[in-house]
């Protein structure tokens, strides 16, 4: 049942990701590049800060990774990451 539940969560996340509208980004032209760069910079700064502070405070890397995923991807995707960690 655990394996089936984890598979179902991954399937749910794949379906949500499949609805990402790349055509809408293409439709806004050059602005899409700026949106992508902005997102990349924000996620990179987030990673540096959370893993830097986690390292300074000597936190468990698994917990820091789950906290980071919860911040970036939301609680439903963090649940899947936590499940993988426990397996």
C-alpha atoms as a PDB file:
ATOM      1  CA  UNK A   1       0.000   0.000   0.000  1.00  0.00           C
ATOM      2  CA  UNK A   2       2.913   2.357   0.710  1.00  0.00           C
ATOM      3  CA  UNK A   3       4.369   1.835  -2.763  1.00  0.00           C
ATOM      4  CA  UNK A   4       0.978   2.301  -4.402  1.00  0.00           C
ATOM      5  CA  UNK A   5       0.350   5.487  -2.404  1.00  0.00           C
ATOM      6  CA  UNK A   6       3.764   6.911  -3.312  1.00  0.00           C
ATOM      7  CA  UNK A   7       3.172   6.077  -6.983  1.00  0.00           C
ATOM      8  CA  UNK A   8      -0.184   7.865  -6.834  1.00  0.00           C
ATOM      9  CA  UNK A   9       1.402  10.977  -5.297  1.00  0.00           C
ATOM     10  CA  UNK A  10       4.034  11.027  -8.050  1.00  0.00           C
ATOM     11  CA  UNK A  11       1.346  10.613 -10.672  1.00  0.00           C
ATOM     12  CA  UNK A  12      -0.568  13.537  -9.148  1.00  0.00           C
ATOM     13  CA  UNK A  13       2.542  15.742  -9.242  1.00  0.00           C
ATOM     14  CA  UNK A  14       3.242  14.751 -12.860  1.00  0.00           C
ATOM     15  CA  UNK A  15      -0.285  15.689 -13.887  1.00  0.00           C
ATOM     16  CA  UNK A  16      -0.024  19.056 -12.150  1.00  0.00           C
ATOM     17  CA  UNK A  17       3.324  19.696 -13.874  1.00  0.00           C
ATOM     18  CA  UNK A  18       1.884  18.717 -17.254  1.00  0.00           C
ATOM     19  CA  UNK A  19      -0.563  21.618 -17.045  1.00  0.00           C
ATOM     20  CA  UNK A  20       2.281  24.141 -17.081  1.00  0.00           C
ATOM     21  CA  UNK A  21       1.459  26.409 -19.988  1.00  0.00           C
ATOM     22  CA  UNK A  22       4.646  26.843 -21.979  1.00  0.00           C
ATOM     23  CA  UNK A  23       2.593  28.167 -24.893  1.00  0.00           C
ATOM     24  CA  UNK A  24       1.445  31.056 -22.686  1.00  0.00           C
ATOM     25  CA  UNK A  25       5.066  31.931 -21.933  1.00  0.00           C
ATOM     26  CA  UNK A  26       5.889  31.779 -25.634  1.00  0.00           C
ATOM     27  CA  UNK A  27       2.994  34.111 -26.288  1.00  0.00           C
ATOM     28  CA  UNK A  28       4.403  36.904 -24.119  1.00  0.00           C
ATOM     29  CA  UNK A  29       7.700  36.893 -26.026  1.00  0.00           C
ATOM     30  CA  UNK A  30      10.805  38.464 -24.512  1.00  0.00           C
ATOM     31  CA  UNK A  31       9.144  38.926 -21.130  1.00  0.00           C
ATOM     32  CA  UNK A  32       9.173  35.132 -20.716  1.00  0.00           C
ATOM     33  CA  UNK A  33      12.987  35.180 -20.670  1.00  0.00           C
ATOM     34  CA  UNK A  34      12.972  37.760 -17.896  1.00  0.00           C
ATOM     35  CA  UNK A  35      10.411  35.772 -15.909  1.00  0.00           C
ATOM     36  CA  UNK A  36      12.547  32.639 -16.279  1.00  0.00           C
ATOM     37  CA  UNK A  37      15.727  34.453 -15.225  1.00  0.00           C
ATOM     38  CA  UNK A  38      13.975  36.044 -12.264  1.00  0.00           C
ATOM     39  CA  UNK A  39      12.678  32.650 -11.141  1.00  0.00           C
ATOM     40  CA  UNK A  40      16.123  31.074 -11.534  1.00  0.00           C
ATOM     41  CA  UNK A  41      17.748  33.836  -9.472  1.00  0.00           C
ATOM     42  CA  UNK A  42      15.124  33.657  -6.714  1.00  0.00           C
ATOM     43  CA  UNK A  43      15.418  29.858  -6.405  1.00  0.00           C
ATOM     44  CA  UNK A  44      19.241  30.029  -6.458  1.00  0.00           C
ATOM     45  CA  UNK A  45      19.329  32.683  -3.716  1.00  0.00           C
ATOM     46  CA  UNK A  46      16.806  30.661  -1.714  1.00  0.00           C
ATOM     47  CA  UNK A  47      19.011  27.558  -2.020  1.00  0.00           C
ATOM     48  CA  UNK A  48      22.149  29.410  -0.983  1.00  0.00           C
ATOM     49  CA  UNK A  49      20.451  30.970   2.036  1.00  0.00           C
ATOM     50  CA  UNK A  50      18.595  27.921   3.331  1.00  0.00           C
ATOM     51  CA  UNK A  51      21.462  25.471   2.843  1.00  0.00           C
ATOM     52  CA  UNK A  52      23.991  28.021   4.089  1.00  0.00           C
ATOM     53  CA  UNK A  53      22.034  28.713   7.278  1.00  0.00           C
ATOM     54  CA  UNK A  54      21.270  24.995   7.645  1.00  0.00           C
ATOM     55  CA  UNK A  55      24.986  24.235   7.428  1.00  0.00           C
ATOM     56  CA  UNK A  56      25.904  26.959   9.915  1.00  0.00           C
ATOM     57  CA  UNK A  57      23.307  25.675  12.385  1.00  0.00           C
ATOM     58  CA  UNK A  58      24.395  22.054  11.727  1.00  0.00           C
ATOM     59  CA  UNK A  59      20.910  20.920  10.789  1.00  0.00           C
ATOM     60  CA  UNK A  60      20.115  17.546   9.272  1.00  0.00           C
ATOM     61  CA  UNK A  61      20.423  17.919   5.479  1.00  0.00           C
ATOM     62  CA  UNK A  62      17.288  15.860   4.892  1.00  0.00           C
ATOM     63  CA  UNK A  63      15.231  18.248   7.008  1.00  0.00           C
ATOM     64  CA  UNK A  64      16.755  21.279   5.275  1.00  0.00           C
ATOM     65  CA  UNK A  65      15.980  19.774   1.848  1.00  0.00           C
ATOM     66  CA  UNK A  66      12.366  19.063   2.819  1.00  0.00           C
ATOM     67  CA  UNK A  67      11.972  22.593   4.197  1.00  0.00           C
ATOM     68  CA  UNK A  68      13.399  24.003   0.975  1.00  0.00           C
ATOM     69  CA  UNK A  69      11.080  21.905  -1.161  1.00  0.00           C
ATOM     70  CA  UNK A  70       8.081  22.947   0.946  1.00  0.00           C
ATOM     71  CA  UNK A  71       9.002  26.577   0.336  1.00  0.00           C
ATOM     72  CA  UNK A  72       9.665  26.293  -3.402  1.00  0.00           C
ATOM     73  CA  UNK A  73       7.263  23.570  -4.486  1.00  0.00           C
ATOM     74  CA  UNK A  74       4.530  23.776  -1.904  1.00  0.00           C
ATOM     75  CA  UNK A  75       3.335  21.364   0.761  1.00  0.00           C
ATOM     76  CA  UNK A  76       2.010  18.665  -1.564  1.00  0.00           C
ATOM     77  CA  UNK A  77       5.365  18.156  -3.279  1.00  0.00           C
ATOM     78  CA  UNK A  78       7.220  18.306   0.046  1.00  0.00           C
ATOM     79  CA  UNK A  79       5.049  15.437   1.248  1.00  0.00           C
ATOM     80  CA  UNK A  80       6.330  13.321  -1.653  1.00  0.00           C
ATOM     81  CA  UNK A  81       9.926  14.237  -0.848  1.00  0.00           C
ATOM     82  CA  UNK A  82       9.400  13.337   2.810  1.00  0.00           C
ATOM     83  CA  UNK A  83       7.953   9.977   1.787  1.00  0.00           C
ATOM     84  CA  UNK A  84      11.045   9.229  -0.300  1.00  0.00           C
ATOM     85  CA  UNK A  85      13.236  10.131   2.630  1.00  0.00           C
ATOM     86  CA  UNK A  86      11.466   7.644   4.876  1.00  0.00           C
ATOM     87  CA  UNK A  87      11.627   4.773   2.373  1.00  0.00           C
END
